[in-house]
């Protein structure tokens, strides 16, 4: 029984290889490539791009708005830089006084 099973598997493997070889040989021909390209690949790619394009535009707009907000914030901070002096110790002392920890300084 094992010999029959081995022979059947071998025959099935040969059949699979023969089918794959014929498919590859057929696909390598120019008209078949054009047919697959026009009937399968182009419509799939177009559908994907048409589905994703609005999201790409939305993300780009969000990025530009975020970039604009960042630039405006930087300009405001740089223009008012001389009037405001920030020291991290003041913030630490304020936080320490809120939670009743003795401050250093």
PDB file of N, CA and C in Angstrom:
ATOM      1  N   UNK A   1       0.811  -1.189   0.000  1.00  0.00           N
ATOM      2  CA  UNK A   1       0.000   0.000   0.000  1.00  0.00           C
ATOM      3  C   UNK A   1       0.861   1.261   0.000  1.00  0.00           C
ATOM      4  N   UNK A   2       1.995   1.210   0.659  1.00  0.00           N
ATOM      5  CA  UNK A   2       2.891   2.361   0.704  1.00  0.00           C
ATOM      6  C   UNK A   2       3.451   2.663  -0.678  1.00  0.00           C
ATOM      7  N   UNK A   3       3.692   1.620  -1.481  1.00  0.00           N
ATOM      8  CA  UNK A   3       4.209   1.839  -2.829  1.00  0.00           C
ATOM      9  C   UNK A   3       3.176   2.539  -3.703  1.00  0.00           C
ATOM     10  N   UNK A   4       1.910   2.154  -3.563  1.00  0.00           N
ATOM     11  CA  UNK A   4       0.850   2.799  -4.333  1.00  0.00           C
ATOM     12  C   UNK A   4       0.727   4.273  -3.933  1.00  0.00           C
ATOM     13  N   UNK A   5       0.831   4.520  -2.634  1.00  0.00           N
ATOM     14  CA  UNK A   5       0.732   5.895  -2.142  1.00  0.00           C
ATOM     15  C   UNK A   5       1.891   6.742  -2.654  1.00  0.00           C
ATOM     16  N   UNK A   6       3.095   6.180  -2.638  1.00  0.00           N
ATOM     17  CA  UNK A   6       4.264   6.903  -3.165  1.00  0.00           C
ATOM     18  C   UNK A   6       4.104   7.169  -4.643  1.00  0.00           C
ATOM     19  N   UNK A   7       3.617   6.182  -5.388  1.00  0.00           N
ATOM     20  CA  UNK A   7       3.422   6.346  -6.833  1.00  0.00           C
ATOM     21  C   UNK A   7       2.360   7.400  -7.108  1.00  0.00           C
ATOM     22  N   UNK A   8       1.291   7.412  -6.308  1.00  0.00           N
ATOM     23  CA  UNK A   8       0.234   8.402  -6.497  1.00  0.00           C
ATOM     24  C   UNK A   8       0.741   9.805  -6.183  1.00  0.00           C
ATOM     25  N   UNK A   9       1.507   9.933  -5.110  1.00  0.00           N
ATOM     26  CA  UNK A   9       2.076  11.245  -4.762  1.00  0.00           C
ATOM     27  C   UNK A   9       3.056  11.710  -5.831  1.00  0.00           C
ATOM     28  N   UNK A  10       3.857  10.803  -6.324  1.00  0.00           N
ATOM     29  CA  UNK A  10       4.820  11.151  -7.372  1.00  0.00           C
ATOM     30  C   UNK A  10       4.096  11.595  -8.640  1.00  0.00           C
ATOM     31  N   UNK A  11       3.052  10.861  -9.010  1.00  0.00           N
ATOM     32  CA  UNK A  11       2.281  11.223 -10.203  1.00  0.00           C
ATOM     33  C   UNK A  11       1.597  12.570 -10.014  1.00  0.00           C
ATOM     34  N   UNK A  12       1.061  12.806  -8.821  1.00  0.00           N
ATOM     35  CA  UNK A  12       0.400  14.081  -8.528  1.00  0.00           C
ATOM     36  C   UNK A  12       1.409  15.225  -8.556  1.00  0.00           C
ATOM     37  N   UNK A  13       2.597  14.979  -8.033  1.00  0.00           N
ATOM     38  CA  UNK A  13       3.642  15.998  -8.047  1.00  0.00           C
ATOM     39  C   UNK A  13       4.056  16.307  -9.477  1.00  0.00           C
ATOM     40  N   UNK A  14       4.225  15.287 -10.292  1.00  0.00           N
ATOM     41  CA  UNK A  14       4.578  15.499 -11.702  1.00  0.00           C
ATOM     42  C   UNK A  14       3.489  16.270 -12.421  1.00  0.00           C
ATOM     43  N   UNK A  15       2.225  15.926 -12.151  1.00  0.00           N
ATOM     44  CA  UNK A  15       1.110  16.637 -12.769  1.00  0.00           C
ATOM     45  C   UNK A  15       1.119  18.108 -12.365  1.00  0.00           C
ATOM     46  N   UNK A  16       1.350  18.382 -11.066  1.00  0.00           N
ATOM     47  CA  UNK A  16       1.417  19.766 -10.594  1.00  0.00           C
ATOM     48  C   UNK A  16       2.546  20.535 -11.251  1.00  0.00           C
ATOM     49  N   UNK A  17       3.714  19.896 -11.368  1.00  0.00           N
ATOM     50  CA  UNK A  17       4.845  20.554 -12.017  1.00  0.00           C
ATOM     51  C   UNK A  17       4.565  20.818 -13.492  1.00  0.00           C
ATOM     52  N   UNK A  18       3.920  19.862 -14.146  1.00  0.00           N
ATOM     53  CA  UNK A  18       3.589  20.027 -15.568  1.00  0.00           C
ATOM     54  C   UNK A  18       2.604  21.170 -15.764  1.00  0.00           C
ATOM     55  N   UNK A  19       1.589  21.247 -14.897  1.00  0.00           N
ATOM     56  CA  UNK A  19       0.611  22.341 -14.996  1.00  0.00           C
ATOM     57  C   UNK A  19       1.281  23.687 -14.734  1.00  0.00           C
ATOM     58  N   UNK A  20       2.129  23.750 -13.716  1.00  0.00           N
ATOM     59  CA  UNK A  20       2.834  25.000 -13.403  1.00  0.00           C
ATOM     60  C   UNK A  20       3.751  25.402 -14.546  1.00  0.00           C
ATOM     61  N   UNK A  21       4.441  24.430 -15.130  1.00  0.00           N
ATOM     62  CA  UNK A  21       5.347  24.725 -16.247  1.00  0.00           C
ATOM     63  C   UNK A  21       4.568  25.257 -17.446  1.00  0.00           C
ATOM     64  N   UNK A  22       3.448  24.621 -17.763  1.00  0.00           N
ATOM     65  CA  UNK A  22       2.633  25.093 -18.891  1.00  0.00           C
ATOM     66  C   UNK A  22       2.073  26.490 -18.610  1.00  0.00           C
ATOM     67  N   UNK A  23       1.662  26.743 -17.365  1.00  0.00           N
ATOM     68  CA  UNK A  23       1.116  28.049 -17.029  1.00  0.00           C
ATOM     69  C   UNK A  23       2.181  29.133 -17.170  1.00  0.00           C
ATOM     70  N   UNK A  24       3.386  28.842 -16.672  1.00  0.00           N
ATOM     71  CA  UNK A  24       4.481  29.819 -16.774  1.00  0.00           C
ATOM     72  C   UNK A  24       4.843  30.051 -18.231  1.00  0.00           C
ATOM     73  N   UNK A  25       4.910  28.984 -19.019  1.00  0.00           N
ATOM     74  CA  UNK A  25       5.231  29.116 -20.441  1.00  0.00           C
ATOM     75  C   UNK A  25       4.165  29.936 -21.151  1.00  0.00           C
ATOM     76  N   UNK A  26       2.915  29.701 -20.826  1.00  0.00           N
ATOM     77  CA  UNK A  26       1.825  30.456 -21.440  1.00  0.00           C
ATOM     78  C   UNK A  26       1.866  31.918 -21.008  1.00  0.00           C
ATOM     79  N   UNK A  27       2.166  32.158 -19.748  1.00  0.00           N
ATOM     80  CA  UNK A  27       2.194  33.530 -19.241  1.00  0.00           C
ATOM     81  C   UNK A  27       3.350  34.333 -19.823  1.00  0.00           C
ATOM     82  N   UNK A  28       4.424  33.664 -20.199  1.00  0.00           N
ATOM     83  CA  UNK A  28       5.585  34.376 -20.749  1.00  0.00           C
ATOM     84  C   UNK A  28       5.322  34.919 -22.136  1.00  0.00           C
ATOM     85  N   UNK A  29       4.260  34.477 -22.790  1.00  0.00           N
ATOM     86  CA  UNK A  29       3.928  34.993 -24.115  1.00  0.00           C
ATOM     87  C   UNK A  29       3.347  36.392 -23.980  1.00  0.00           C
ATOM     88  N   UNK A  30       3.699  37.253 -24.910  1.00  0.00           N
ATOM     89  CA  UNK A  30       3.323  38.671 -24.856  1.00  0.00           C
ATOM     90  C   UNK A  30       1.806  38.897 -24.820  1.00  0.00           C
ATOM     91  N   UNK A  31       1.006  38.247 -25.668  1.00  0.00           N
ATOM     92  CA  UNK A  31      -0.441  38.511 -25.614  1.00  0.00           C
ATOM     93  C   UNK A  31      -1.068  38.133 -24.271  1.00  0.00           C
ATOM     94  N   UNK A  32      -0.584  37.083 -23.653  1.00  0.00           N
ATOM     95  CA  UNK A  32      -1.119  36.680 -22.354  1.00  0.00           C
ATOM     96  C   UNK A  32      -0.756  37.707 -21.289  1.00  0.00           C
ATOM     97  N   UNK A  33       0.461  38.212 -21.343  1.00  0.00           N
ATOM     98  CA  UNK A  33       0.866  39.236 -20.377  1.00  0.00           C
ATOM     99  C   UNK A  33      -0.003  40.481 -20.517  1.00  0.00           C
ATOM    100  N   UNK A  34      -0.234  40.904 -21.757  1.00  0.00           N
ATOM    101  CA  UNK A  34      -1.059  42.092 -21.986  1.00  0.00           C
ATOM    102  C   UNK A  34      -2.487  41.869 -21.489  1.00  0.00           C
ATOM    103  N   UNK A  35      -3.020  40.672 -21.733  1.00  0.00           N
ATOM    104  CA  UNK A  35      -4.376  40.358 -21.305  1.00  0.00           C
ATOM    105  C   UNK A  35      -4.492  40.395 -19.785  1.00  0.00           C
ATOM    106  N   UNK A  36      -3.548  39.788 -19.095  1.00  0.00           N
ATOM    107  CA  UNK A  36      -3.564  39.796 -17.625  1.00  0.00           C
ATOM    108  C   UNK A  36      -3.402  41.215 -17.108  1.00  0.00           C
ATOM    109  N   UNK A  37      -2.524  41.979 -17.734  1.00  0.00           N
ATOM    110  CA  UNK A  37      -2.294  43.354 -17.312  1.00  0.00           C
ATOM    111  C   UNK A  37      -3.559  44.193 -17.482  1.00  0.00           C
ATOM    112  N   UNK A  38      -4.203  44.080 -18.653  1.00  0.00           N
ATOM    113  CA  UNK A  38      -5.379  44.912 -18.929  1.00  0.00           C
ATOM    114  C   UNK A  38      -6.620  44.456 -18.180  1.00  0.00           C
ATOM    115  N   UNK A  39      -6.805  43.155 -18.024  1.00  0.00           N
ATOM    116  CA  UNK A  39      -8.053  42.649 -17.454  1.00  0.00           C
ATOM    117  C   UNK A  39      -8.008  42.446 -15.936  1.00  0.00           C
ATOM    118  N   UNK A  40      -6.819  42.282 -15.377  1.00  0.00           N
ATOM    119  CA  UNK A  40      -6.747  41.984 -13.944  1.00  0.00           C
ATOM    120  C   UNK A  40      -5.984  43.061 -13.174  1.00  0.00           C
ATOM    121  N   UNK A  41      -4.740  43.283 -13.546  1.00  0.00           N
ATOM    122  CA  UNK A  41      -3.870  44.142 -12.737  1.00  0.00           C
ATOM    123  C   UNK A  41      -4.310  45.603 -12.779  1.00  0.00           C
ATOM    124  N   UNK A  42      -4.550  46.162 -13.971  1.00  0.00           N
ATOM    125  CA  UNK A  42      -4.948  47.569 -14.068  1.00  0.00           C
ATOM    126  C   UNK A  42      -6.241  47.873 -13.311  1.00  0.00           C
ATOM    127  N   UNK A  43      -7.301  47.096 -13.478  1.00  0.00           N
ATOM    128  CA  UNK A  43      -8.521  47.405 -12.710  1.00  0.00           C
ATOM    129  C   UNK A  43      -8.337  47.312 -11.199  1.00  0.00           C
ATOM    130  N   UNK A  44      -7.561  46.333 -10.744  1.00  0.00           N
ATOM    131  CA  UNK A  44      -7.340  46.191  -9.299  1.00  0.00           C
ATOM    132  C   UNK A  44      -6.567  47.389  -8.755  1.00  0.00           C
ATOM    133  N   UNK A  45      -5.513  47.787  -9.455  1.00  0.00           N
ATOM    134  CA  UNK A  45      -4.705  48.928  -9.003  1.00  0.00           C
ATOM    135  C   UNK A  45      -5.532  50.211  -9.032  1.00  0.00           C
ATOM    136  N   UNK A  46      -6.319  50.403 -10.091  1.00  0.00           N
ATOM    137  CA  UNK A  46      -7.172  51.603 -10.165  1.00  0.00           C
ATOM    138  C   UNK A  46      -8.176  51.636  -9.019  1.00  0.00           C
ATOM    139  N   UNK A  47      -8.787  50.506  -8.738  1.00  0.00           N
ATOM    140  CA  UNK A  47      -9.767  50.451  -7.646  1.00  0.00           C
ATOM    141  C   UNK A  47      -9.111  50.783  -6.307  1.00  0.00           C
ATOM    142  N   UNK A  48      -7.933  50.231  -6.078  1.00  0.00           N
ATOM    143  CA  UNK A  48      -7.224  50.502  -4.816  1.00  0.00           C
ATOM    144  C   UNK A  48      -6.871  51.977  -4.712  1.00  0.00           C
ATOM    145  N   UNK A  49      -6.344  52.551  -5.784  1.00  0.00           N
ATOM    146  CA  UNK A  49      -5.977  53.969  -5.743  1.00  0.00           C
ATOM    147  C   UNK A  49      -7.198  54.863  -5.581  1.00  0.00           C
ATOM    148  N   UNK A  50      -8.300  54.519  -6.256  1.00  0.00           N
ATOM    149  CA  UNK A  50      -9.518  55.319  -6.098  1.00  0.00           C
ATOM    150  C   UNK A  50     -10.066  55.219  -4.679  1.00  0.00           C
ATOM    151  N   UNK A  51      -9.875  54.092  -4.028  1.00  0.00           N
ATOM    152  CA  UNK A  51     -10.346  53.930  -2.657  1.00  0.00           C
ATOM    153  C   UNK A  51      -9.453  54.660  -1.659  1.00  0.00           C
ATOM    154  N   UNK A  52      -8.158  54.680  -1.900  1.00  0.00           N
ATOM    155  CA  UNK A  52      -7.202  55.251  -0.955  1.00  0.00           C
ATOM    156  C   UNK A  52      -6.987  56.748  -1.168  1.00  0.00           C
ATOM    157  N   UNK A  53      -7.214  57.250  -2.368  1.00  0.00           N
ATOM    158  CA  UNK A  53      -6.878  58.641  -2.691  1.00  0.00           C
ATOM    159  C   UNK A  53      -7.515  59.658  -1.744  1.00  0.00           C
ATOM    160  N   UNK A  54      -8.808  59.559  -1.413  1.00  0.00           N
ATOM    161  CA  UNK A  54      -9.371  60.549  -0.474  1.00  0.00           C
ATOM    162  C   UNK A  54      -8.672  60.536   0.889  1.00  0.00           C
ATOM    163  N   UNK A  55      -8.267  59.360   1.345  1.00  0.00           N
ATOM    164  CA  UNK A  55      -7.563  59.274   2.621  1.00  0.00           C
ATOM    165  C   UNK A  55      -6.190  59.929   2.528  1.00  0.00           C
ATOM    166  N   UNK A  56      -5.517  59.752   1.417  1.00  0.00           N
ATOM    167  CA  UNK A  56      -4.199  60.380   1.225  1.00  0.00           C
ATOM    168  C   UNK A  56      -4.344  61.896   1.253  1.00  0.00           C
ATOM    169  N   UNK A  57      -5.363  62.416   0.574  1.00  0.00           N
ATOM    170  CA  UNK A  57      -5.593  63.864   0.562  1.00  0.00           C
ATOM    171  C   UNK A  57      -5.919  64.357   1.971  1.00  0.00           C
ATOM    172  N   UNK A  58      -6.758  63.627   2.688  1.00  0.00           N
ATOM    173  CA  UNK A  58      -7.115  64.021   4.058  1.00  0.00           C
ATOM    174  C   UNK A  58      -5.919  64.050   4.988  1.00  0.00           C
ATOM    175  N   UNK A  59      -5.078  63.039   4.905  1.00  0.00           N
ATOM    176  CA  UNK A  59      -3.878  62.996   5.744  1.00  0.00           C
ATOM    177  C   UNK A  59      -2.930  64.131   5.370  1.00  0.00           C
ATOM    178  N   UNK A  60      -2.790  64.414   4.086  1.00  0.00           N
ATOM    179  CA  UNK A  60      -1.919  65.515   3.656  1.00  0.00           C
ATOM    180  C   UNK A  60      -2.435  66.853   4.182  1.00  0.00           C
ATOM    181  N   UNK A  61      -3.743  67.062   4.135  1.00  0.00           N
ATOM    182  CA  UNK A  61      -4.321  68.315   4.647  1.00  0.00           C
ATOM    183  C   UNK A  61      -4.105  68.423   6.156  1.00  0.00           C
ATOM    184  N   UNK A  62      -4.332  67.329   6.887  1.00  0.00           N
ATOM    185  CA  UNK A  62      -4.094  67.341   8.333  1.00  0.00           C
ATOM    186  C   UNK A  62      -2.629  67.650   8.649  1.00  0.00           C
ATOM    187  N   UNK A  63      -1.725  67.062   7.886  1.00  0.00           N
ATOM    188  CA  UNK A  63      -0.304  67.323   8.098  1.00  0.00           C
ATOM    189  C   UNK A  63       0.021  68.787   7.859  1.00  0.00           C
ATOM    190  N   UNK A  64      -0.518  69.371   6.792  1.00  0.00           N
ATOM    191  CA  UNK A  64      -0.244  70.779   6.504  1.00  0.00           C
ATOM    192  C   UNK A  64      -0.830  71.695   7.586  1.00  0.00           C
ATOM    193  N   UNK A  65      -2.011  71.380   8.084  1.00  0.00           N
ATOM    194  CA  UNK A  65      -2.602  72.181   9.165  1.00  0.00           C
ATOM    195  C   UNK A  65      -1.747  72.081  10.417  1.00  0.00           C
ATOM    196  N   UNK A  66      -1.298  70.877  10.744  1.00  0.00           N
ATOM    197  CA  UNK A  66      -0.428  70.688  11.906  1.00  0.00           C
ATOM    198  C   UNK A  66       0.892  71.437  11.736  1.00  0.00           C
ATOM    199  N   UNK A  67       1.460  71.382  10.551  1.00  0.00           N
ATOM    200  CA  UNK A  67       2.702  72.104  10.275  1.00  0.00           C
ATOM    201  C   UNK A  67       2.498  73.610  10.404  1.00  0.00           C
ATOM    202  N   UNK A  68       1.393  74.108   9.891  1.00  0.00           N
ATOM    203  CA  UNK A  68       1.088  75.537   9.996  1.00  0.00           C
ATOM    204  C   UNK A  68       0.917  75.947  11.457  1.00  0.00           C
ATOM    205  N   UNK A  69       0.210  75.142  12.242  1.00  0.00           N
ATOM    206  CA  UNK A  69       0.045  75.443  13.669  1.00  0.00           C
ATOM    207  C   UNK A  69       1.392  75.448  14.391  1.00  0.00           C
ATOM    208  N   UNK A  70       2.267  74.528  14.036  1.00  0.00           N
ATOM    209  CA  UNK A  70       3.590  74.465  14.655  1.00  0.00           C
ATOM    210  C   UNK A  70       4.409  75.707  14.313  1.00  0.00           C
ATOM    211  N   UNK A  71       4.373  76.116  13.067  1.00  0.00           N
ATOM    212  CA  UNK A  71       5.130  77.302  12.654  1.00  0.00           C
ATOM    213  C   UNK A  71       4.577  78.542  13.349  1.00  0.00           C
ATOM    214  N   UNK A  72       3.257  78.682  13.400  1.00  0.00           N
ATOM    215  CA  UNK A  72       2.652  79.845  14.059  1.00  0.00           C
ATOM    216  C   UNK A  72       3.013  79.856  15.543  1.00  0.00           C
ATOM    217  N   UNK A  73       2.975  78.704  16.186  1.00  0.00           N
ATOM    218  CA  UNK A  73       3.350  78.625  17.600  1.00  0.00           C
ATOM    219  C   UNK A  73       4.806  79.013  17.808  1.00  0.00           C
ATOM    220  N   UNK A  74       5.686  78.523  16.951  1.00  0.00           N
ATOM    221  CA  UNK A  74       7.109  78.873  17.066  1.00  0.00           C
ATOM    222  C   UNK A  74       7.325  80.363  16.873  1.00  0.00           C
ATOM    223  N   UNK A  75       6.641  80.964  15.916  1.00  0.00           N
ATOM    224  CA  UNK A  75       6.778  82.405  15.681  1.00  0.00           C
ATOM    225  C   UNK A  75       6.292  83.180  16.899  1.00  0.00           C
ATOM    226  N   UNK A  76       5.166  82.785  17.462  1.00  0.00           N
ATOM    227  CA  UNK A  76       4.643  83.483  18.651  1.00  0.00           C
ATOM    228  C   UNK A  76       5.616  83.359  19.820  1.00  0.00           C
ATOM    229  N   UNK A  77       6.155  82.176  20.035  1.00  0.00           N
ATOM    230  CA  UNK A  77       7.087  81.972  21.148  1.00  0.00           C
ATOM    231  C   UNK A  77       8.368  82.762  20.926  1.00  0.00           C
ATOM    232  N   UNK A  78       8.892  82.758  19.712  1.00  0.00           N
ATOM    233  CA  UNK A  78      10.139  83.476  19.443  1.00  0.00           C
ATOM    234  C   UNK A  78       9.956  84.982  19.534  1.00  0.00           C
ATOM    235  N   UNK A  79       8.809  85.496  19.129  1.00  0.00           N
ATOM    236  CA  UNK A  79       8.587  86.944  19.214  1.00  0.00           C
ATOM    237  C   UNK A  79       8.378  87.409  20.649  1.00  0.00           C
ATOM    238  N   UNK A  80       7.818  86.566  21.483  1.00  0.00           N
ATOM    239  CA  UNK A  80       7.588  86.964  22.872  1.00  0.00           C
ATOM    240  C   UNK A  80       8.664  86.391  23.789  1.00  0.00           C
ATOM    241  N   UNK A  81       9.766  85.966  23.243  1.00  0.00           N
ATOM    242  CA  UNK A  81      10.825  85.321  24.018  1.00  0.00           C
ATOM    243  C   UNK A  81      11.487  86.226  25.021  1.00  0.00           C
ATOM    244  N   UNK A  82      11.653  87.506  24.722  1.00  0.00           N
ATOM    245  CA  UNK A  82      12.354  88.404  25.646  1.00  0.00           C
ATOM    246  C   UNK A  82      11.463  88.796  26.829  1.00  0.00           C
ATOM    247  N   UNK A  83      10.157  88.769  26.672  1.00  0.00           N
ATOM    248  CA  UNK A  83       9.253  89.181  27.740  1.00  0.00           C
ATOM    249  C   UNK A  83       9.032  88.073  28.762  1.00  0.00           C
ATOM    250  N   UNK A  84       9.187  86.846  28.355  1.00  0.00           N
ATOM    251  CA  UNK A  84       8.909  85.713  29.244  1.00  0.00           C
ATOM    252  C   UNK A  84      10.195  84.942  29.468  1.00  0.00           C
ATOM    253  N   UNK A  85      10.523  84.722  30.742  1.00  0.00           N
ATOM    254  CA  UNK A  85      11.690  83.895  31.028  1.00  0.00           C
ATOM    255  C   UNK A  85      11.210  82.648  31.735  1.00  0.00           C
ATOM    256  N   UNK A  86      11.619  81.536  31.273  1.00  0.00           N
ATOM    257  CA  UNK A  86      11.180  80.250  31.809  1.00  0.00           C
ATOM    258  C   UNK A  86      12.348  79.572  32.483  1.00  0.00           C
ATOM    259  N   UNK A  87      12.134  79.184  33.723  1.00  0.00           N
ATOM    260  CA  UNK A  87      13.129  78.369  34.409  1.00  0.00           C
ATOM    261  C   UNK A  87      12.430  77.130  34.932  1.00  0.00           C
ATOM    262  N   UNK A  88      12.996  75.990  34.716  1.00  0.00           N
ATOM    263  CA  UNK A  88      12.327  74.758  35.141  1.00  0.00           C
ATOM    264  C   UNK A  88      12.188  74.669  36.654  1.00  0.00           C
ATOM    265  N   UNK A  89      13.070  75.363  37.419  1.00  0.00           N
ATOM    266  CA  UNK A  89      12.987  75.273  38.873  1.00  0.00           C
ATOM    267  C   UNK A  89      11.719  75.920  39.409  1.00  0.00           C
ATOM    268  N   UNK A  90      11.240  76.986  38.765  1.00  0.00           N
ATOM    269  CA  UNK A  90       9.985  77.609  39.194  1.00  0.00           C
ATOM    270  C   UNK A  90       8.838  76.614  39.053  1.00  0.00           C
ATOM    271  N   UNK A  91       8.841  75.872  37.981  1.00  0.00           N
ATOM    272  CA  UNK A  91       7.783  74.884  37.754  1.00  0.00           C
ATOM    273  C   UNK A  91       7.874  73.768  38.780  1.00  0.00           C
ATOM    274  N   UNK A  92       9.101  73.319  39.058  1.00  0.00           N
ATOM    275  CA  UNK A  92       9.285  72.266  40.054  1.00  0.00           C
ATOM    276  C   UNK A  92       8.852  72.752  41.426  1.00  0.00           C
ATOM    277  N   UNK A  93       9.218  73.987  41.795  1.00  0.00           N
ATOM    278  CA  UNK A  93       8.823  74.537  43.095  1.00  0.00           C
ATOM    279  C   UNK A  93       7.310  74.703  43.187  1.00  0.00           C
ATOM    280  N   UNK A  94       6.670  75.120  42.090  1.00  0.00           N
ATOM    281  CA  UNK A  94       5.219  75.279  42.102  1.00  0.00           C
ATOM    282  C   UNK A  94       4.547  73.930  42.271  1.00  0.00           C
ATOM    283  N   UNK A  95       5.034  72.918  41.566  1.00  0.00           N
ATOM    284  CA  UNK A  95       4.460  71.576  41.697  1.00  0.00           C
ATOM    285  C   UNK A  95       4.698  71.030  43.100  1.00  0.00           C
ATOM    286  N   UNK A  96       5.867  71.300  43.665  1.00  0.00           N
ATOM    287  CA  UNK A  96       6.180  70.814  45.028  1.00  0.00           C
ATOM    288  C   UNK A  96       5.292  71.481  46.056  1.00  0.00           C
ATOM    289  N   UNK A  97       5.013  72.765  45.869  1.00  0.00           N
ATOM    290  CA  UNK A  97       4.170  73.454  46.847  1.00  0.00           C
ATOM    291  C   UNK A  97       2.719  72.973  46.754  1.00  0.00           C
ATOM    292  N   UNK A  98       2.304  72.530  45.598  1.00  0.00           N
ATOM    293  CA  UNK A  98       0.926  72.019  45.440  1.00  0.00           C
ATOM    294  C   UNK A  98       0.759  70.725  46.203  1.00  0.00           C
ATOM    295  N   UNK A  99       1.789  69.861  46.149  1.00  0.00           N
ATOM    296  CA  UNK A  99       1.664  68.563  46.831  1.00  0.00           C
ATOM    297  C   UNK A  99       2.388  68.561  48.176  1.00  0.00           C
ATOM    298  N   UNK A 100       2.733  69.763  48.698  1.00  0.00           N
ATOM    299  CA  UNK A 100       3.300  69.955  50.041  1.00  0.00           C
ATOM    300  C   UNK A 100       4.629  69.203  50.263  1.00  0.00           C
ATOM    301  N   UNK A 101       5.529  69.330  49.318  1.00  0.00           N
ATOM    302  CA  UNK A 101       6.876  68.781  49.462  1.00  0.00           C
ATOM    303  C   UNK A 101       7.804  69.980  49.651  1.00  0.00           C
ATOM    304  N   UNK A 102       8.697  69.934  50.613  1.00  0.00           N
ATOM    305  CA  UNK A 102       9.625  71.077  50.798  1.00  0.00           C
ATOM    306  C   UNK A 102      10.459  71.258  49.544  1.00  0.00           C
ATOM    307  N   UNK A 103      10.546  72.492  49.064  1.00  0.00           N
ATOM    308  CA  UNK A 103      11.295  72.776  47.831  1.00  0.00           C
ATOM    309  C   UNK A 103      12.731  73.113  48.176  1.00  0.00           C
ATOM    310  N   UNK A 104      13.603  72.910  47.211  1.00  0.00           N
ATOM    311  CA  UNK A 104      15.017  73.216  47.361  1.00  0.00           C
ATOM    312  C   UNK A 104      15.328  74.478  46.560  1.00  0.00           C
ATOM    313  N   UNK A 105      15.573  75.576  47.198  1.00  0.00           N
ATOM    314  CA  UNK A 105      15.974  76.749  46.456  1.00  0.00           C
ATOM    315  C   UNK A 105      15.186  77.882  46.783  1.00  0.00           C
TER     316      UNK A 105
END
